[in-house]
């Protein structure tokens, strides 16, 4: 399994999801974000790169992306930091 999928499943299991549910949720979410190939559990190049990062590093790169997008005038519904 790709490292990013294992990390996501581990976090979901810690929240109380069963192993099967955690795999299903993590797979669908990571496929939608482009970290896994559609219909498989195979990591894309983005997924491999992000799987090598720590949780904190992934959060920092995600926050940086949203900050740059806001500066460019694009507003996202999702706010990862809880601040505006």
Protein backbone atom coordinates (compact mmCIF):
# COMPACT_ATOMS: atom_id res chain seq x y z
CA UNK A 1 0.00 0.00 0.00
CA UNK A 2 1.14 3.54 -0.65
CA UNK A 3 2.38 5.39 2.42
CA UNK A 4 -0.22 8.15 2.03
CA UNK A 5 -3.03 5.56 2.06
CA UNK A 6 -1.62 3.82 5.14
CA UNK A 7 -1.39 7.16 6.97
CA UNK A 8 -4.96 8.09 6.06
CA UNK A 9 -6.31 4.69 7.14
CA UNK A 10 -4.42 4.89 10.43
CA UNK A 11 -5.91 8.33 11.20
CA UNK A 12 -9.44 7.14 10.37
CA UNK A 13 -9.05 4.05 12.56
CA UNK A 14 -7.92 6.30 15.42
CA UNK A 15 -11.20 8.22 14.97
CA UNK A 16 -13.15 4.99 15.49
CA UNK A 17 -13.84 3.74 11.95
CA UNK A 18 -13.55 0.02 11.19
CA UNK A 19 -10.62 -1.06 9.04
CA UNK A 20 -12.88 -1.73 6.01
CA UNK A 21 -14.63 1.63 6.32
CA UNK A 22 -11.33 3.43 6.81
CA UNK A 23 -9.90 1.90 3.61
CA UNK A 24 -13.01 2.79 1.63
CA UNK A 25 -13.12 6.39 2.85
CA UNK A 26 -9.37 6.94 2.45
CA UNK A 27 -9.28 5.41 -1.03
CA UNK A 28 -12.18 7.48 -2.32
CA UNK A 29 -10.85 10.71 -0.81
CA UNK A 30 -7.32 10.19 -2.09
CA UNK A 31 -8.58 9.28 -5.57
CA UNK A 32 -10.64 12.49 -5.68
CA UNK A 33 -7.62 14.56 -4.65
CA UNK A 34 -5.38 12.94 -7.26
CA UNK A 35 -3.10 11.08 -4.85
CA UNK A 36 -4.32 7.66 -6.05
CA UNK A 37 -5.22 6.51 -9.55
CA UNK A 38 -8.96 6.24 -10.25
CA UNK A 39 -10.31 2.76 -9.49
CA UNK A 40 -7.10 1.51 -7.85
CA UNK A 41 -5.03 1.92 -4.72
CA UNK A 42 -1.92 2.76 -6.75
CA UNK A 43 -0.25 6.07 -5.92
CA UNK A 44 0.24 8.75 -8.56
CA UNK A 45 3.48 10.74 -8.66
CA UNK A 46 1.75 13.36 -6.50
CA UNK A 47 0.66 10.64 -4.04
CA UNK A 48 4.18 9.20 -3.83
CA UNK A 49 5.64 12.65 -3.19
CA UNK A 50 3.04 13.50 -0.54
CA UNK A 51 3.38 10.05 1.05
CA UNK A 52 7.02 10.80 1.78
CA UNK A 53 6.08 14.00 3.63
CA UNK A 54 5.13 14.16 7.29
CA UNK A 55 1.61 15.22 8.25
CA UNK A 56 2.91 18.65 9.26
CA UNK A 57 4.72 19.15 5.95
CA UNK A 58 1.60 18.16 3.98
CA UNK A 59 -0.42 20.67 5.99
CA UNK A 60 2.12 23.43 5.37
CA UNK A 61 2.21 22.84 1.60
CA UNK A 62 -1.60 22.73 1.48
CA UNK A 63 -1.89 25.98 3.44
CA UNK A 64 0.71 27.62 1.18
CA UNK A 65 -1.26 26.56 -1.91
CA UNK A 66 -4.51 28.05 -0.56
CA UNK A 67 -2.75 31.24 0.49
CA UNK A 68 -1.30 31.70 -3.01
CA UNK A 69 -4.71 31.03 -4.57
CA UNK A 70 -6.37 33.64 -2.34
CA UNK A 71 -3.73 36.20 -3.34
CA UNK A 72 -4.53 35.46 -6.97
CA UNK A 73 -8.17 36.33 -6.28
CA UNK A 74 -9.62 32.83 -6.15
CA UNK A 75 -11.61 32.00 -3.03
CA UNK A 76 -12.05 28.42 -1.84
CA UNK A 77 -14.90 27.10 0.24
CA UNK A 78 -12.48 24.98 2.26
CA UNK A 79 -10.26 26.61 4.85
CA UNK A 80 -7.67 24.19 6.23
CA UNK A 81 -6.30 26.38 8.98
CA UNK A 82 -9.58 27.49 10.52
CA UNK A 83 -8.62 31.12 9.92
CA UNK A 84 -9.48 33.55 7.13
